[in-house]
Amino acid sequence: MSLKTAALRAIPILGWLYLAVGLLAALMDRAPGNRLLRAIWWIDAFLSIVVHAAQIPAALRAAESSDRSPIETAVLTQVFGATWWKTQEAA
């Protein structure tokens, strides 16, 4: 895996970590009062959950000739989004 591909794949992981930390803070009644941080959290949630899920059909089509199962392709796409399935040839 190239350094560029690894860096691209790190971005969604950081997004998921931000979502987890924000959720834990909210559950502990310590959510930040800053509106910008809350807005970023909701944008990140939409991108990570809704947009990544919407990319799964395209990822399945792109991975038809690969050795990955459809479930593995769907899970990796949900986690990494297009930064996973569009970099398969580059990796």
PDB file of N, CA and C in Angstrom:
ATOM      1  N   MET A   1       0.857  -1.163   0.000  1.00  0.00           N
ATOM      2  CA  MET A   1       0.000   0.000   0.000  1.00  0.00           C
ATOM      3  C   MET A   1       0.909   1.234   0.000  1.00  0.00           C
ATOM      4  N   SER A   2       0.592   2.161  -0.880  1.00  0.00           N
ATOM      5  CA  SER A   2       1.392   3.373  -0.970  1.00  0.00           C
ATOM      6  C   SER A   2       1.090   4.308   0.202  1.00  0.00           C
ATOM      7  N   LEU A   3       1.979   5.246   0.425  1.00  0.00           N
ATOM      8  CA  LEU A   3       1.790   6.221   1.494  1.00  0.00           C
ATOM      9  C   LEU A   3       0.551   7.078   1.225  1.00  0.00           C
ATOM     10  N   LYS A   4       0.325   7.415  -0.034  1.00  0.00           N
ATOM     11  CA  LYS A   4      -0.849   8.219  -0.391  1.00  0.00           C
ATOM     12  C   LYS A   4      -2.138   7.454  -0.074  1.00  0.00           C
ATOM     13  N   THR A   5      -2.180   6.175  -0.430  1.00  0.00           N
ATOM     14  CA  THR A   5      -3.356   5.355  -0.154  1.00  0.00           C
ATOM     15  C   THR A   5      -3.583   5.221   1.342  1.00  0.00           C
ATOM     16  N   ALA A   6      -2.512   4.999   2.099  1.00  0.00           N
ATOM     17  CA  ALA A   6      -2.634   4.891   3.561  1.00  0.00           C
ATOM     18  C   ALA A   6      -3.149   6.197   4.161  1.00  0.00           C
ATOM     19  N   ALA A   7      -2.659   7.318   3.656  1.00  0.00           N
ATOM     20  CA  ALA A   7      -3.116   8.619   4.162  1.00  0.00           C
ATOM     21  C   ALA A   7      -4.592   8.829   3.838  1.00  0.00           C
ATOM     22  N   LEU A   8      -5.006   8.462   2.632  1.00  0.00           N
ATOM     23  CA  LEU A   8      -6.418   8.599   2.253  1.00  0.00           C
ATOM     24  C   LEU A   8      -7.311   7.725   3.124  1.00  0.00           C
ATOM     25  N   ARG A   9      -6.860   6.538   3.429  1.00  0.00           N
ATOM     26  CA  ARG A   9      -7.660   5.628   4.252  1.00  0.00           C
ATOM     27  C   ARG A   9      -7.668   6.030   5.719  1.00  0.00           C
ATOM     28  N   ALA A  10      -6.693   6.829   6.142  1.00  0.00           N
ATOM     29  CA  ALA A  10      -6.660   7.301   7.532  1.00  0.00           C
ATOM     30  C   ALA A  10      -7.763   8.328   7.793  1.00  0.00           C
ATOM     31  N   ILE A  11      -8.167   9.059   6.776  1.00  0.00           N
ATOM     32  CA  ILE A  11      -9.178  10.107   6.946  1.00  0.00           C
ATOM     33  C   ILE A  11     -10.501   9.534   7.460  1.00  0.00           C
ATOM     34  N   PRO A  12     -11.064   8.479   6.847  1.00  0.00           N
ATOM     35  CA  PRO A  12     -12.309   7.928   7.398  1.00  0.00           C
ATOM     36  C   PRO A  12     -12.138   7.359   8.809  1.00  0.00           C
ATOM     37  N   ILE A  13     -10.970   6.799   9.097  1.00  0.00           N
ATOM     38  CA  ILE A  13     -10.735   6.260  10.440  1.00  0.00           C
ATOM     39  C   ILE A  13     -10.772   7.398  11.464  1.00  0.00           C
ATOM     40  N   LEU A  14     -10.172   8.524  11.126  1.00  0.00           N
ATOM     41  CA  LEU A  14     -10.226   9.682  12.024  1.00  0.00           C
ATOM     42  C   LEU A  14     -11.663  10.161  12.194  1.00  0.00           C
ATOM     43  N   GLY A  15     -12.446  10.104  11.120  1.00  0.00           N
ATOM     44  CA  GLY A  15     -13.858  10.478  11.206  1.00  0.00           C
ATOM     45  C   GLY A  15     -14.631   9.568  12.143  1.00  0.00           C
ATOM     46  N   TRP A  16     -14.406   8.245  12.032  1.00  0.00           N
ATOM     47  CA  TRP A  16     -15.081   7.297  12.924  1.00  0.00           C
ATOM     48  C   TRP A  16     -14.664   7.525  14.371  1.00  0.00           C
ATOM     49  N   LEU A  17     -13.378   7.833  14.598  1.00  0.00           N
ATOM     50  CA  LEU A  17     -12.914   8.115  15.958  1.00  0.00           C
ATOM     51  C   LEU A  17     -13.588   9.368  16.518  1.00  0.00           C
ATOM     52  N   TYR A  18     -13.736  10.393  15.683  1.00  0.00           N
ATOM     53  CA  TYR A  18     -14.408  11.621  16.110  1.00  0.00           C
ATOM     54  C   TYR A  18     -15.860  11.316  16.488  1.00  0.00           C
ATOM     55  N   LEU A  19     -16.515  10.470  15.701  1.00  0.00           N
ATOM     56  CA  LEU A  19     -17.893  10.082  16.018  1.00  0.00           C
ATOM     57  C   LEU A  19     -17.959   9.330  17.347  1.00  0.00           C
ATOM     58  N   ALA A  20     -17.039   8.416  17.559  1.00  0.00           N
ATOM     59  CA  ALA A  20     -17.036   7.626  18.796  1.00  0.00           C
ATOM     60  C   ALA A  20     -16.780   8.509  20.014  1.00  0.00           C
ATOM     61  N   VAL A  21     -15.803   9.399  19.914  1.00  0.00           N
ATOM     62  CA  VAL A  21     -15.494  10.284  21.039  1.00  0.00           C
ATOM     63  C   VAL A  21     -16.680  11.205  21.314  1.00  0.00           C
ATOM     64  N   GLY A  22     -17.295  11.726  20.268  1.00  0.00           N
ATOM     65  CA  GLY A  22     -18.460  12.596  20.453  1.00  0.00           C
ATOM     66  C   GLY A  22     -19.633  11.871  21.082  1.00  0.00           C
ATOM     67  N   LEU A  23     -19.859  10.633  20.651  1.00  0.00           N
ATOM     68  CA  LEU A  23     -20.939   9.840  21.230  1.00  0.00           C
ATOM     69  C   LEU A  23     -20.677   9.543  22.706  1.00  0.00           C
ATOM     70  N   LEU A  24     -19.447   9.152  23.018  1.00  0.00           N
ATOM     71  CA  LEU A  24     -19.101   8.894  24.422  1.00  0.00           C
ATOM     72  C   LEU A  24     -19.260  10.159  25.264  1.00  0.00           C
ATOM     73  N   ALA A  25     -18.835  11.296  24.741  1.00  0.00           N
ATOM     74  CA  ALA A  25     -18.976  12.557  25.475  1.00  0.00           C
ATOM     75  C   ALA A  25     -20.449  12.863  25.714  1.00  0.00           C
ATOM     76  N   ALA A  26     -21.281  12.632  24.711  1.00  0.00           N
ATOM     77  CA  ALA A  26     -22.716  12.892  24.874  1.00  0.00           C
ATOM     78  C   ALA A  26     -23.336  11.943  25.895  1.00  0.00           C
ATOM     79  N   LEU A  27     -22.933  10.677  25.863  1.00  0.00           N
ATOM     80  CA  LEU A  27     -23.466   9.704  26.816  1.00  0.00           C
ATOM     81  C   LEU A  27     -23.051  10.015  28.244  1.00  0.00           C
ATOM     82  N   MET A  28     -21.899  10.637  28.412  1.00  0.00           N
ATOM     83  CA  MET A  28     -21.422  11.010  29.745  1.00  0.00           C
ATOM     84  C   MET A  28     -21.868  12.427  30.113  1.00  0.00           C
ATOM     85  N   ASP A  29     -22.769  12.983  29.308  1.00  0.00           N
ATOM     86  CA  ASP A  29     -23.300  14.331  29.527  1.00  0.00           C
ATOM     87  C   ASP A  29     -22.195  15.385  29.531  1.00  0.00           C
ATOM     88  N   ARG A  30     -21.211  15.193  28.637  1.00  0.00           N
ATOM     89  CA  ARG A  30     -20.090  16.121  28.523  1.00  0.00           C
ATOM     90  C   ARG A  30     -19.909  16.581  27.080  1.00  0.00           C
ATOM     91  N   ALA A  31     -20.988  16.597  26.330  1.00  0.00           N
ATOM     92  CA  ALA A  31     -20.924  17.041  24.936  1.00  0.00           C
ATOM     93  C   ALA A  31     -20.491  18.509  24.899  1.00  0.00           C
ATOM     94  N   PRO A  32     -19.670  18.863  23.928  1.00  0.00           N
ATOM     95  CA  PRO A  32     -19.215  20.249  23.857  1.00  0.00           C
ATOM     96  C   PRO A  32     -20.370  21.202  23.554  1.00  0.00           C
ATOM     97  N   GLY A  33     -20.285  22.381  24.117  1.00  0.00           N
ATOM     98  CA  GLY A  33     -21.301  23.394  23.863  1.00  0.00           C
ATOM     99  C   GLY A  33     -21.065  24.145  22.563  1.00  0.00           C
ATOM    100  N   ASN A  34     -19.888  23.979  21.991  1.00  0.00           N
ATOM    101  CA  ASN A  34     -19.519  24.682  20.766  1.00  0.00           C
ATOM    102  C   ASN A  34     -20.358  24.191  19.588  1.00  0.00           C
ATOM    103  N   ARG A  35     -21.080  25.115  18.953  1.00  0.00           N
ATOM    104  CA  ARG A  35     -21.968  24.741  17.835  1.00  0.00           C
ATOM    105  C   ARG A  35     -21.188  24.199  16.640  1.00  0.00           C
ATOM    106  N   LEU A  36     -20.003  24.741  16.396  1.00  0.00           N
ATOM    107  CA  LEU A  36     -19.201  24.285  15.259  1.00  0.00           C
ATOM    108  C   LEU A  36     -18.794  22.821  15.441  1.00  0.00           C
ATOM    109  N   LEU A  37     -18.344  22.454  16.642  1.00  0.00           N
ATOM    110  CA  LEU A  37     -17.966  21.064  16.902  1.00  0.00           C
ATOM    111  C   LEU A  37     -19.157  20.125  16.751  1.00  0.00           C
ATOM    112  N   ARG A  38     -20.321  20.571  17.189  1.00  0.00           N
ATOM    113  CA  ARG A  38     -21.537  19.753  17.038  1.00  0.00           C
ATOM    114  C   ARG A  38     -21.920  19.620  15.566  1.00  0.00           C
ATOM    115  N   ALA A  39     -21.820  20.713  14.814  1.00  0.00           N
ATOM    116  CA  ALA A  39     -22.145  20.667  13.385  1.00  0.00           C
ATOM    117  C   ALA A  39     -21.187  19.740  12.648  1.00  0.00           C
ATOM    118  N   ILE A  40     -19.908  19.814  12.975  1.00  0.00           N
ATOM    119  CA  ILE A  40     -18.921  18.928  12.343  1.00  0.00           C
ATOM    120  C   ILE A  40     -19.241  17.473  12.668  1.00  0.00           C
ATOM    121  N   TRP A  41     -19.667  17.202  13.909  1.00  0.00           N
ATOM    122  CA  TRP A  41     -20.008  15.834  14.295  1.00  0.00           C
ATOM    123  C   TRP A  41     -21.165  15.313  13.438  1.00  0.00           C
ATOM    124  N   TRP A  42     -22.218  16.136  13.269  1.00  0.00           N
ATOM    125  CA  TRP A  42     -23.371  15.706  12.477  1.00  0.00           C
ATOM    126  C   TRP A  42     -23.015  15.540  11.000  1.00  0.00           C
ATOM    127  N   ILE A  43     -22.179  16.403  10.473  1.00  0.00           N
ATOM    128  CA  ILE A  43     -21.724  16.262   9.083  1.00  0.00           C
ATOM    129  C   ILE A  43     -20.921  14.977   8.935  1.00  0.00           C
ATOM    130  N   ASP A  44     -20.024  14.736   9.882  1.00  0.00           N
ATOM    131  CA  ASP A  44     -19.220  13.511   9.858  1.00  0.00           C
ATOM    132  C   ASP A  44     -20.115  12.277   9.952  1.00  0.00           C
ATOM    133  N   ALA A  45     -21.135  12.330  10.806  1.00  0.00           N
ATOM    134  CA  ALA A  45     -22.057  11.190  10.926  1.00  0.00           C
ATOM    135  C   ALA A  45     -22.765  10.936   9.602  1.00  0.00           C
ATOM    136  N   PHE A  46     -23.230  11.982   8.948  1.00  0.00           N
ATOM    137  CA  PHE A  46     -23.913  11.824   7.664  1.00  0.00           C
ATOM    138  C   PHE A  46     -22.970  11.229   6.619  1.00  0.00           C
ATOM    139  N   LEU A  47     -21.757  11.773   6.529  1.00  0.00           N
ATOM    140  CA  LEU A  47     -20.804  11.270   5.535  1.00  0.00           C
ATOM    141  C   LEU A  47     -20.406   9.823   5.829  1.00  0.00           C
ATOM    142  N   SER A  48     -20.113   9.529   7.082  1.00  0.00           N
ATOM    143  CA  SER A  48     -19.628   8.191   7.440  1.00  0.00           C
ATOM    144  C   SER A  48     -20.705   7.124   7.350  1.00  0.00           C
ATOM    145  N   ILE A  49     -21.922   7.463   7.696  1.00  0.00           N
ATOM    146  CA  ILE A  49     -22.979   6.457   7.720  1.00  0.00           C
ATOM    147  C   ILE A  49     -23.759   6.432   6.409  1.00  0.00           C
ATOM    148  N   VAL A  50     -24.320   7.550   6.022  1.00  0.00           N
ATOM    149  CA  VAL A  50     -25.201   7.594   4.852  1.00  0.00           C
ATOM    150  C   VAL A  50     -24.424   7.534   3.538  1.00  0.00           C
ATOM    151  N   VAL A  51     -23.412   8.379   3.394  1.00  0.00           N
ATOM    152  CA  VAL A  51     -22.690   8.435   2.120  1.00  0.00           C
ATOM    153  C   VAL A  51     -21.880   7.157   1.891  1.00  0.00           C
ATOM    154  N   HIS A  52     -21.230   6.652   2.933  1.00  0.00           N
ATOM    155  CA  HIS A  52     -20.490   5.394   2.751  1.00  0.00           C
ATOM    156  C   HIS A  52     -21.442   4.262   2.374  1.00  0.00           C
ATOM    157  N   ALA A  53     -22.593   4.190   3.005  1.00  0.00           N
ATOM    158  CA  ALA A  53     -23.568   3.148   2.664  1.00  0.00           C
ATOM    159  C   ALA A  53     -24.051   3.300   1.218  1.00  0.00           C
ATOM    160  N   ALA A  54     -24.211   4.520   0.774  1.00  0.00           N
ATOM    161  CA  ALA A  54     -24.657   4.754  -0.602  1.00  0.00           C
ATOM    162  C   ALA A  54     -23.607   4.326  -1.625  1.00  0.00           C
ATOM    163  N   GLN A  55     -22.355   4.222  -1.220  1.00  0.00           N
ATOM    164  CA  GLN A  55     -21.273   3.818  -2.117  1.00  0.00           C
ATOM    165  C   GLN A  55     -21.161   2.302  -2.254  1.00  0.00           C
ATOM    166  N   ILE A  56     -21.847   1.552  -1.424  1.00  0.00           N
ATOM    167  CA  ILE A  56     -21.711   0.095  -1.439  1.00  0.00           C
ATOM    168  C   ILE A  56     -22.103  -0.521  -2.788  1.00  0.00           C
ATOM    169  N   PRO A  57     -23.209  -0.137  -3.425  1.00  0.00           N
ATOM    170  CA  PRO A  57     -23.515  -0.743  -4.728  1.00  0.00           C
ATOM    171  C   PRO A  57     -22.409  -0.533  -5.774  1.00  0.00           C
ATOM    172  N   ALA A  58     -21.835   0.651  -5.818  1.00  0.00           N
ATOM    173  CA  ALA A  58     -20.738   0.902  -6.764  1.00  0.00           C
ATOM    174  C   ALA A  58     -19.516   0.074  -6.404  1.00  0.00           C
ATOM    175  N   ALA A  59     -19.245  -0.069  -5.111  1.00  0.00           N
ATOM    176  CA  ALA A  59     -18.111  -0.876  -4.671  1.00  0.00           C
ATOM    177  C   ALA A  59     -18.306  -2.347  -5.031  1.00  0.00           C
ATOM    178  N   LEU A  60     -19.522  -2.841  -4.881  1.00  0.00           N
ATOM    179  CA  LEU A  60     -19.799  -4.236  -5.238  1.00  0.00           C
ATOM    180  C   LEU A  60     -19.586  -4.468  -6.727  1.00  0.00           C
ATOM    181  N   ARG A  61     -20.016  -3.522  -7.552  1.00  0.00           N
ATOM    182  CA  ARG A  61     -19.784  -3.642  -8.996  1.00  0.00           C
ATOM    183  C   ARG A  61     -18.290  -3.612  -9.311  1.00  0.00           C
ATOM    184  N   ALA A  62     -17.562  -2.730  -8.644  1.00  0.00           N
ATOM    185  CA  ALA A  62     -16.122  -2.606  -8.894  1.00  0.00           C
ATOM    186  C   ALA A  62     -15.357  -3.838  -8.426  1.00  0.00           C
ATOM    187  N   ALA A  63     -15.868  -4.534  -7.426  1.00  0.00           N
ATOM    188  CA  ALA A  63     -15.164  -5.681  -6.846  1.00  0.00           C
ATOM    189  C   ALA A  63     -15.636  -7.014  -7.395  1.00  0.00           C
ATOM    190  N   GLU A  64     -16.482  -7.010  -8.411  1.00  0.00           N
ATOM    191  CA  GLU A  64     -17.015  -8.273  -8.939  1.00  0.00           C
ATOM    192  C   GLU A  64     -15.931  -9.257  -9.347  1.00  0.00           C
ATOM    193  N   SER A  65     -14.842  -8.764  -9.914  1.00  0.00           N
ATOM    194  CA  SER A  65     -13.789  -9.670 -10.383  1.00  0.00           C
ATOM    195  C   SER A  65     -12.677  -9.855  -9.351  1.00  0.00           C
ATOM    196  N   SER A  66     -12.863  -9.345  -8.142  1.00  0.00           N
ATOM    197  CA  SER A  66     -11.827  -9.484  -7.120  1.00  0.00           C
ATOM    198  C   SER A  66     -12.041 -10.757  -6.316  1.00  0.00           C
ATOM    199  N   ASP A  67     -11.103 -11.028  -5.432  1.00  0.00           N
ATOM    200  CA  ASP A  67     -11.213 -12.228  -4.592  1.00  0.00           C
ATOM    201  C   ASP A  67     -11.925 -11.943  -3.273  1.00  0.00           C
ATOM    202  N   ARG A  68     -12.450 -10.747  -3.088  1.00  0.00           N
ATOM    203  CA  ARG A  68     -13.169 -10.395  -1.859  1.00  0.00           C
ATOM    204  C   ARG A  68     -14.640 -10.779  -1.980  1.00  0.00           C
ATOM    205  N   SER A  69     -15.214 -11.196  -0.854  1.00  0.00           N
ATOM    206  CA  SER A  69     -16.633 -11.528  -0.836  1.00  0.00           C
ATOM    207  C   SER A  69     -17.448 -10.236  -0.861  1.00  0.00           C
ATOM    208  N   PRO A  70     -18.700 -10.319  -1.284  1.00  0.00           N
ATOM    209  CA  PRO A  70     -19.549  -9.126  -1.252  1.00  0.00           C
ATOM    210  C   PRO A  70     -19.707  -8.542   0.158  1.00  0.00           C
ATOM    211  N   ILE A  71     -19.751  -9.386   1.162  1.00  0.00           N
ATOM    212  CA  ILE A  71     -19.881  -8.889   2.539  1.00  0.00           C
ATOM    213  C   ILE A  71     -18.617  -8.135   2.955  1.00  0.00           C
ATOM    214  N   GLU A  72     -17.462  -8.704   2.639  1.00  0.00           N
ATOM    215  CA  GLU A  72     -16.204  -8.037   2.970  1.00  0.00           C
ATOM    216  C   GLU A  72     -16.102  -6.695   2.241  1.00  0.00           C
ATOM    217  N   THR A  73     -16.500  -6.675   0.979  1.00  0.00           N
ATOM    218  CA  THR A  73     -16.496  -5.440   0.201  1.00  0.00           C
ATOM    219  C   THR A  73     -17.423  -4.406   0.829  1.00  0.00           C
ATOM    220  N   ALA A  74     -18.616  -4.825   1.228  1.00  0.00           N
ATOM    221  CA  ALA A  74     -19.577  -3.899   1.832  1.00  0.00           C
ATOM    222  C   ALA A  74     -19.054  -3.346   3.161  1.00  0.00           C
ATOM    223  N   VAL A  75     -18.479  -4.204   3.996  1.00  0.00           N
ATOM    224  CA  VAL A  75     -17.972  -3.753   5.302  1.00  0.00           C
ATOM    225  C   VAL A  75     -16.811  -2.783   5.117  1.00  0.00           C
ATOM    226  N   LEU A  76     -15.871  -3.124   4.255  1.00  0.00           N
ATOM    227  CA  LEU A  76     -14.735  -2.236   4.034  1.00  0.00           C
ATOM    228  C   LEU A  76     -15.159  -0.910   3.421  1.00  0.00           C
ATOM    229  N   THR A  77     -16.175  -0.946   2.565  1.00  0.00           N
ATOM    230  CA  THR A  77     -16.693   0.299   1.989  1.00  0.00           C
ATOM    231  C   THR A  77     -17.405   1.117   3.051  1.00  0.00           C
ATOM    232  N   GLN A  78     -18.143   0.485   3.951  1.00  0.00           N
ATOM    233  CA  GLN A  78     -18.810   1.232   5.018  1.00  0.00           C
ATOM    234  C   GLN A  78     -17.784   1.898   5.928  1.00  0.00           C
ATOM    235  N   VAL A  79     -16.677   1.224   6.176  1.00  0.00           N
ATOM    236  CA  VAL A  79     -15.651   1.785   7.055  1.00  0.00           C
ATOM    237  C   VAL A  79     -14.842   2.870   6.341  1.00  0.00           C
ATOM    238  N   PHE A  80     -14.366   2.571   5.136  1.00  0.00           N
ATOM    239  CA  PHE A  80     -13.441   3.469   4.441  1.00  0.00           C
ATOM    240  C   PHE A  80     -14.071   4.287   3.319  1.00  0.00           C
ATOM    241  N   GLY A  81     -15.260   3.931   2.880  1.00  0.00           N
ATOM    242  CA  GLY A  81     -15.888   4.642   1.768  1.00  0.00           C
ATOM    243  C   GLY A  81     -15.122   4.438   0.473  1.00  0.00           C
ATOM    244  N   ALA A  82     -15.196   5.420  -0.383  1.00  0.00           N
ATOM    245  CA  ALA A  82     -14.545   5.332  -1.701  1.00  0.00           C
ATOM    246  C   ALA A  82     -13.033   5.253  -1.576  1.00  0.00           C
ATOM    247  N   THR A  83     -12.483   5.696  -0.435  1.00  0.00           N
ATOM    248  CA  THR A  83     -11.030   5.614  -0.285  1.00  0.00           C
ATOM    249  C   THR A  83     -10.557   4.168  -0.200  1.00  0.00           C
ATOM    250  N   TRP A  84     -11.488   3.239   0.016  1.00  0.00           N
ATOM    251  CA  TRP A  84     -11.090   1.831  -0.028  1.00  0.00           C
ATOM    252  C   TRP A  84     -11.257   1.274  -1.435  1.00  0.00           C
ATOM    253  N   TRP A  85     -12.462   1.303  -1.980  1.00  0.00           N
ATOM    254  CA  TRP A  85     -12.674   0.583  -3.222  1.00  0.00           C
ATOM    255  C   TRP A  85     -12.088   1.275  -4.432  1.00  0.00           C
ATOM    256  N   LYS A  86     -11.908   2.580  -4.403  1.00  0.00           N
ATOM    257  CA  LYS A  86     -11.302   3.256  -5.557  1.00  0.00           C
ATOM    258  C   LYS A  86      -9.787   3.138  -5.559  1.00  0.00           C
ATOM    259  N   THR A  87      -9.187   2.718  -4.459  1.00  0.00           N
ATOM    260  CA  THR A  87      -7.731   2.573  -4.409  1.00  0.00           C
ATOM    261  C   THR A  87      -7.294   1.113  -4.481  1.00  0.00           C
ATOM    262  N   GLN A  88      -8.198   0.201  -4.778  1.00  0.00           N
ATOM    263  CA  GLN A  88      -7.843  -1.217  -4.835  1.00  0.00           C
ATOM    264  C   GLN A  88      -6.786  -1.510  -5.890  1.00  0.00           C
ATOM    265  N   GLU A  89      -6.920  -0.938  -7.065  1.00  0.00           N
ATOM    266  CA  GLU A  89      -5.921  -1.176  -8.111  1.00  0.00           C
ATOM    267  C   GLU A  89      -4.592  -0.551  -7.730  1.00  0.00           C
ATOM    268  N   ALA A  90      -4.641   0.646  -7.092  1.00  0.00           N
ATOM    269  CA  ALA A  90      -3.415   1.320  -6.690  1.00  0.00           C
ATOM    270  C   ALA A  90      -2.711   0.587  -5.565  1.00  0.00           C
ATOM    271  N   ALA A  91      -3.503  -0.078  -4.710  1.00  0.00           N
ATOM    272  CA  ALA A  91      -2.891  -0.805  -3.601  1.00  0.00           C
ATOM    273  C   ALA A  91      -2.310  -2.100  -4.112  1.00  0.00           C
TER     274      ALA A  91
END
